[in-house]
Amino acid sequence: MTKVKNWFIKTINSTLGQKMIMSISGLFLISFLVIHLLGNLMLFKEDGGTAFNAYANFMSTSSLIKLVEIVLVLGFGLHIYTAWRLTKYNKQIRPQAYVYSRPDVNSSWIARNMGFVGSIVLIFLLIHLYNFWFKYKFMADMPMIATGEYKDLYSFLKLTFIEEWWISVFYIIAMIFFSLHLAHGFESSLQTLGLYHKKYTPMLKKLGLLFAIIVPAGFAVMPLYFLSQFFLGNY
């Protein structure tokens, strides 16, 4: 039993083990992205935000969702911590390697700068959580829907994207970096997990690239939608 335990600890602390943790946690978080995007699409219903506000209220009061939130926090924390460990390790073992190995030829820009790209995504995540989760949960003067039953996140989100336009701009730019992060992460996960097949792997890579374009674009459309309303005089 001790040998098995030692083998397990040694494996998860190895570079390959860390990459496997990154891959598995990343693929897990992808499922959350799809659900989150589908819920946010309710913003575009022509009902004044009724459906979206009902969805937001359910997500903030459901006991099941609260349990899922804990799992998500652990998933994000594990993914971020592992990314930090791998970035630190790579810098330690190859402080000057790129000077001699022609990185522009041997690897892509995104592969060499995943730490930077990931940092932009992390900053966006923190800003996003502060503006649209923390404030919704704890801000006392959050607007309420007409009946007063629960908070009006739709109006608050619309006001934020229009009046604090710099948040919208950063949101859109961050989605470009997020797209790069997803594209590279998905391809790396296939390699790390050994999911290779002559026939199916090229198709999976294309699907991964498509996902990396569609999902961030879906999130970026939200601030663009409200900004367009403002410029068209519908605000």
Protein backbone atom coordinates (compact mmCIF):
# COMPACT_ATOMS: atom_id res chain seq x y z
CA MET A 1 0.00 0.00 0.00
CA THR A 2 2.87 2.34 0.86
CA LYS A 3 4.53 1.65 -2.51
CA VAL A 4 1.28 2.45 -4.33
CA LYS A 5 0.90 5.66 -2.33
CA ASN A 6 4.49 6.71 -3.04
CA TRP A 7 4.07 5.90 -6.74
CA PHE A 8 0.88 7.97 -6.89
CA ILE A 9 2.44 10.99 -5.16
CA LYS A 10 5.54 10.76 -7.35
CA THR A 11 3.40 10.52 -10.49
CA ILE A 12 1.14 13.52 -9.78
CA ASN A 13 4.19 15.61 -8.84
CA SER A 14 6.02 14.77 -12.07
CA THR A 15 5.84 17.03 -15.11
CA LEU A 16 3.68 14.51 -16.95
CA GLY A 17 1.42 14.15 -13.92
CA GLN A 18 1.01 17.92 -13.66
CA LYS A 19 0.18 18.12 -17.36
CA MET A 20 -2.42 15.38 -16.94
CA ILE A 21 -4.00 17.30 -14.04
CA MET A 22 -4.04 20.42 -16.23
CA SER A 23 -5.67 18.52 -19.08
CA ILE A 24 -8.33 16.78 -17.00
CA SER A 25 -9.25 19.87 -14.98
CA GLY A 26 -9.35 21.94 -18.20
CA LEU A 27 -11.67 19.48 -19.94
CA PHE A 28 -13.89 19.48 -16.84
CA LEU A 29 -14.10 23.28 -16.88
CA ILE A 30 -15.07 23.20 -20.56
CA SER A 31 -18.38 21.56 -19.59
CA PHE A 32 -19.09 24.51 -17.30
CA LEU A 33 -18.36 26.97 -20.12
CA VAL A 34 -21.02 25.39 -22.34
CA ILE A 35 -23.68 25.50 -19.60
CA HIS A 36 -22.73 29.06 -18.65
CA LEU A 37 -22.92 30.24 -22.26
CA LEU A 38 -26.29 28.58 -22.84
CA GLY A 39 -27.68 30.35 -19.77
CA ASN A 40 -26.26 33.70 -20.87
CA LEU A 41 -27.94 33.38 -24.27
CA MET A 42 -31.18 34.24 -22.45
CA LEU A 43 -29.90 37.82 -22.49
CA PHE A 44 -30.92 38.04 -26.13
CA LYS A 45 -34.58 37.15 -25.57
CA GLU A 46 -36.81 40.12 -26.31
CA ASP A 47 -38.49 40.03 -22.90
CA GLY A 48 -36.72 42.82 -21.04
CA GLY A 49 -34.49 40.39 -19.20
CA THR A 50 -37.28 38.34 -17.58
CA ALA A 51 -35.90 34.92 -18.56
CA PHE A 52 -32.30 35.87 -17.77
CA ASN A 53 -33.19 37.25 -14.34
CA ALA A 54 -35.14 34.09 -13.49
CA TYR A 55 -32.13 32.03 -14.57
CA ALA A 56 -29.74 34.20 -12.50
CA ASN A 57 -31.98 33.90 -9.44
CA PHE A 58 -32.14 30.12 -9.78
CA MET A 59 -28.35 29.90 -10.15
CA SER A 60 -27.84 31.94 -6.98
CA THR A 61 -30.42 30.19 -4.76
CA SER A 62 -30.39 26.52 -5.79
CA SER A 63 -28.72 24.23 -3.24
CA LEU A 64 -27.50 21.98 -6.05
CA ILE A 65 -25.86 24.90 -7.85
CA LYS A 66 -24.15 25.97 -4.62
CA LEU A 67 -22.62 22.50 -4.40
CA VAL A 68 -21.55 22.70 -8.06
CA GLU A 69 -19.97 26.10 -7.35
CA ILE A 70 -17.70 24.51 -4.73
CA VAL A 71 -16.59 21.87 -7.24
CA LEU A 72 -15.97 24.58 -9.85
CA VAL A 73 -13.89 26.66 -7.43
CA LEU A 74 -11.78 23.59 -6.66
CA GLY A 75 -11.47 22.84 -10.39
CA PHE A 76 -10.38 26.40 -11.22
CA GLY A 77 -8.01 26.48 -8.26
CA LEU A 78 -6.38 23.20 -9.26
CA HIS A 79 -6.07 24.29 -12.89
CA ILE A 80 -4.52 27.65 -11.98
CA TYR A 81 -2.16 26.23 -9.37
CA THR A 82 -0.95 23.49 -11.71
CA ALA A 83 -0.42 26.02 -14.51
CA TRP A 84 1.69 28.13 -12.15
CA ARG A 85 3.79 25.11 -11.14
CA LEU A 86 4.42 24.09 -14.75
CA THR A 87 5.31 27.64 -15.80
CA LYS A 88 7.73 27.96 -12.90
CA TYR A 89 9.29 24.57 -13.65
CA ASN A 90 9.75 25.36 -17.35
CA LYS A 91 11.52 28.62 -16.51
CA GLN A 92 13.85 26.86 -14.09
CA ILE A 93 14.98 24.11 -16.45
CA ARG A 94 15.19 26.22 -19.61
CA PRO A 95 16.15 29.77 -18.63
CA GLN A 96 18.13 30.35 -21.84
CA ALA A 97 17.12 27.43 -24.03
CA TYR A 98 15.06 29.51 -26.40
CA VAL A 99 18.06 31.61 -27.38
CA TYR A 100 19.62 28.58 -29.04
CA SER A 101 16.62 26.48 -30.06
CA ARG A 102 14.86 28.89 -32.43
CA PRO A 103 11.46 29.00 -30.62
CA ASP A 104 9.84 30.71 -33.60
CA VAL A 105 10.51 27.55 -35.58
CA ASN A 106 10.12 24.84 -32.93
CA SER A 107 6.94 26.06 -31.21
CA SER A 108 4.03 28.43 -31.70
CA TRP A 109 3.73 31.84 -30.03
CA ILE A 110 0.85 30.64 -27.90
CA ALA A 111 2.84 27.60 -26.72
CA ARG A 112 5.73 29.84 -25.61
CA ASN A 113 3.46 32.38 -23.92
CA MET A 114 0.79 30.29 -22.22
CA GLY A 115 1.77 31.84 -18.89
CA PHE A 116 1.06 35.35 -20.21
CA VAL A 117 -2.14 34.32 -21.99
CA GLY A 118 -3.33 32.43 -18.92
CA SER A 119 -2.63 35.49 -16.75
CA ILE A 120 -4.84 37.66 -18.97
CA VAL A 121 -7.60 35.06 -18.72
CA LEU A 122 -7.18 34.94 -14.92
CA ILE A 123 -7.40 38.74 -14.62
CA PHE A 124 -10.55 38.67 -16.74
CA LEU A 125 -12.02 35.91 -14.56
CA LEU A 126 -11.41 37.92 -11.37
CA ILE A 127 -12.94 41.09 -12.86
CA HIS A 128 -15.88 39.11 -14.22
CA LEU A 129 -16.56 37.41 -10.87
CA TYR A 130 -16.30 40.70 -9.01
CA ASN A 131 -18.67 42.57 -11.31
CA PHE A 132 -21.28 39.92 -12.06
CA TRP A 133 -21.11 37.46 -9.14
CA PHE A 134 -19.82 39.25 -6.04
CA LYS A 135 -21.85 42.41 -6.65
CA TYR A 136 -24.97 40.38 -7.48
CA LYS A 137 -24.58 38.39 -4.27
CA PHE A 138 -23.55 41.12 -1.85
CA MET A 139 -24.21 44.62 -3.27
CA ALA A 140 -27.04 46.16 -1.24
CA ASP A 141 -28.24 48.63 -3.88
CA MET A 142 -28.54 46.11 -6.73
CA PRO A 143 -31.72 46.94 -8.72
CA MET A 144 -34.73 44.65 -8.24
CA ILE A 145 -37.23 43.37 -10.82
CA ALA A 146 -40.64 45.07 -10.94
CA THR A 147 -42.29 42.60 -8.53
CA GLY A 148 -39.43 42.93 -6.04
CA GLU A 149 -39.00 39.15 -5.84
CA TYR A 150 -35.31 39.07 -6.74
CA LYS A 151 -32.47 41.15 -8.14
CA ASP A 152 -32.42 42.55 -11.67
CA LEU A 153 -29.06 41.35 -12.94
CA TYR A 154 -30.09 42.05 -16.54
CA SER A 155 -30.40 45.81 -15.93
CA PHE A 156 -27.21 45.90 -13.88
CA LEU A 157 -25.26 44.00 -16.54
CA LYS A 158 -26.63 46.24 -19.29
CA LEU A 159 -25.73 49.38 -17.31
CA THR A 160 -22.21 48.08 -16.61
CA PHE A 161 -21.44 47.17 -20.21
CA ILE A 162 -22.65 50.55 -21.50
CA GLU A 163 -21.62 53.08 -18.86
CA GLU A 164 -18.38 51.35 -17.89
CA TRP A 165 -17.43 50.76 -21.54
CA TRP A 166 -13.79 49.97 -20.67
CA ILE A 167 -15.05 46.75 -19.06
CA SER A 168 -16.72 45.85 -22.36
CA VAL A 169 -13.50 46.55 -24.28
CA PHE A 170 -11.41 44.45 -21.91
CA TYR A 171 -14.08 41.72 -21.97
CA ILE A 172 -13.82 41.47 -25.76
CA ILE A 173 -10.00 41.56 -25.80
CA ALA A 174 -9.88 38.92 -23.04
CA MET A 175 -12.09 36.64 -25.14
CA ILE A 176 -9.46 36.72 -27.90
CA PHE A 177 -6.83 35.51 -25.43
CA PHE A 178 -9.31 33.01 -24.03
CA SER A 179 -9.83 31.62 -27.52
CA LEU A 180 -6.06 31.14 -27.92
CA HIS A 181 -5.90 29.51 -24.49
CA LEU A 182 -8.68 27.06 -25.33
CA ALA A 183 -7.28 26.18 -28.76
CA HIS A 184 -3.82 25.40 -27.44
CA GLY A 185 -5.13 23.74 -24.27
CA PHE A 186 -7.42 21.39 -26.15
CA GLU A 187 -4.68 20.28 -28.54
CA SER A 188 -2.19 19.84 -25.68
CA SER A 189 -4.73 17.78 -23.73
CA LEU A 190 -5.06 15.31 -26.60
CA GLN A 191 -1.28 14.85 -26.65
CA THR A 192 -0.90 14.61 -22.85
CA LEU A 193 -3.70 12.09 -22.44
CA GLY A 194 -2.41 10.04 -25.38
CA LEU A 195 -5.67 10.38 -27.33
CA TYR A 196 -4.24 9.77 -30.77
CA HIS A 197 -5.90 8.05 -33.67
CA LYS A 198 -4.92 8.44 -37.30
CA LYS A 199 -8.54 8.89 -38.36
CA TYR A 200 -10.19 10.67 -35.42
CA THR A 201 -7.49 12.90 -33.93
CA PRO A 202 -7.45 15.42 -36.84
CA MET A 203 -11.24 15.68 -36.55
CA LEU A 204 -11.02 16.20 -32.76
CA LYS A 205 -8.45 18.96 -33.28
CA LYS A 206 -10.78 20.72 -35.73
CA LEU A 207 -13.69 20.38 -33.31
CA GLY A 208 -11.49 21.76 -30.53
CA LEU A 209 -10.53 24.74 -32.68
CA LEU A 210 -14.17 25.33 -33.59
CA PHE A 211 -15.12 25.22 -29.90
CA ALA A 212 -12.29 27.64 -29.08
CA ILE A 213 -13.75 30.13 -31.57
CA ILE A 214 -17.48 29.75 -30.97
CA VAL A 215 -17.57 29.80 -27.15
CA PRO A 216 -15.41 32.93 -26.57
CA ALA A 217 -17.25 34.62 -29.46
CA GLY A 218 -20.55 33.81 -27.74
CA PHE A 219 -19.36 35.54 -24.57
CA ALA A 220 -17.90 38.50 -26.51
CA VAL A 221 -21.25 39.08 -28.24
CA MET A 222 -22.84 40.10 -24.92
CA PRO A 223 -21.02 43.43 -24.41
CA LEU A 224 -21.18 44.05 -28.17
CA TYR A 225 -24.95 43.54 -28.06
CA PHE A 226 -25.50 46.13 -25.33
CA LEU A 227 -23.03 48.59 -26.83
CA SER A 228 -24.82 48.31 -30.19
CA GLN A 229 -28.12 49.06 -28.46
CA PHE A 230 -26.57 52.21 -27.00
CA PHE A 231 -25.18 53.43 -30.33
CA LEU A 232 -28.44 52.65 -32.10
CA GLY A 233 -30.36 54.69 -29.55
CA ASN A 234 -32.25 51.76 -28.04
CA TYR A 235 -30.81 52.29 -24.54
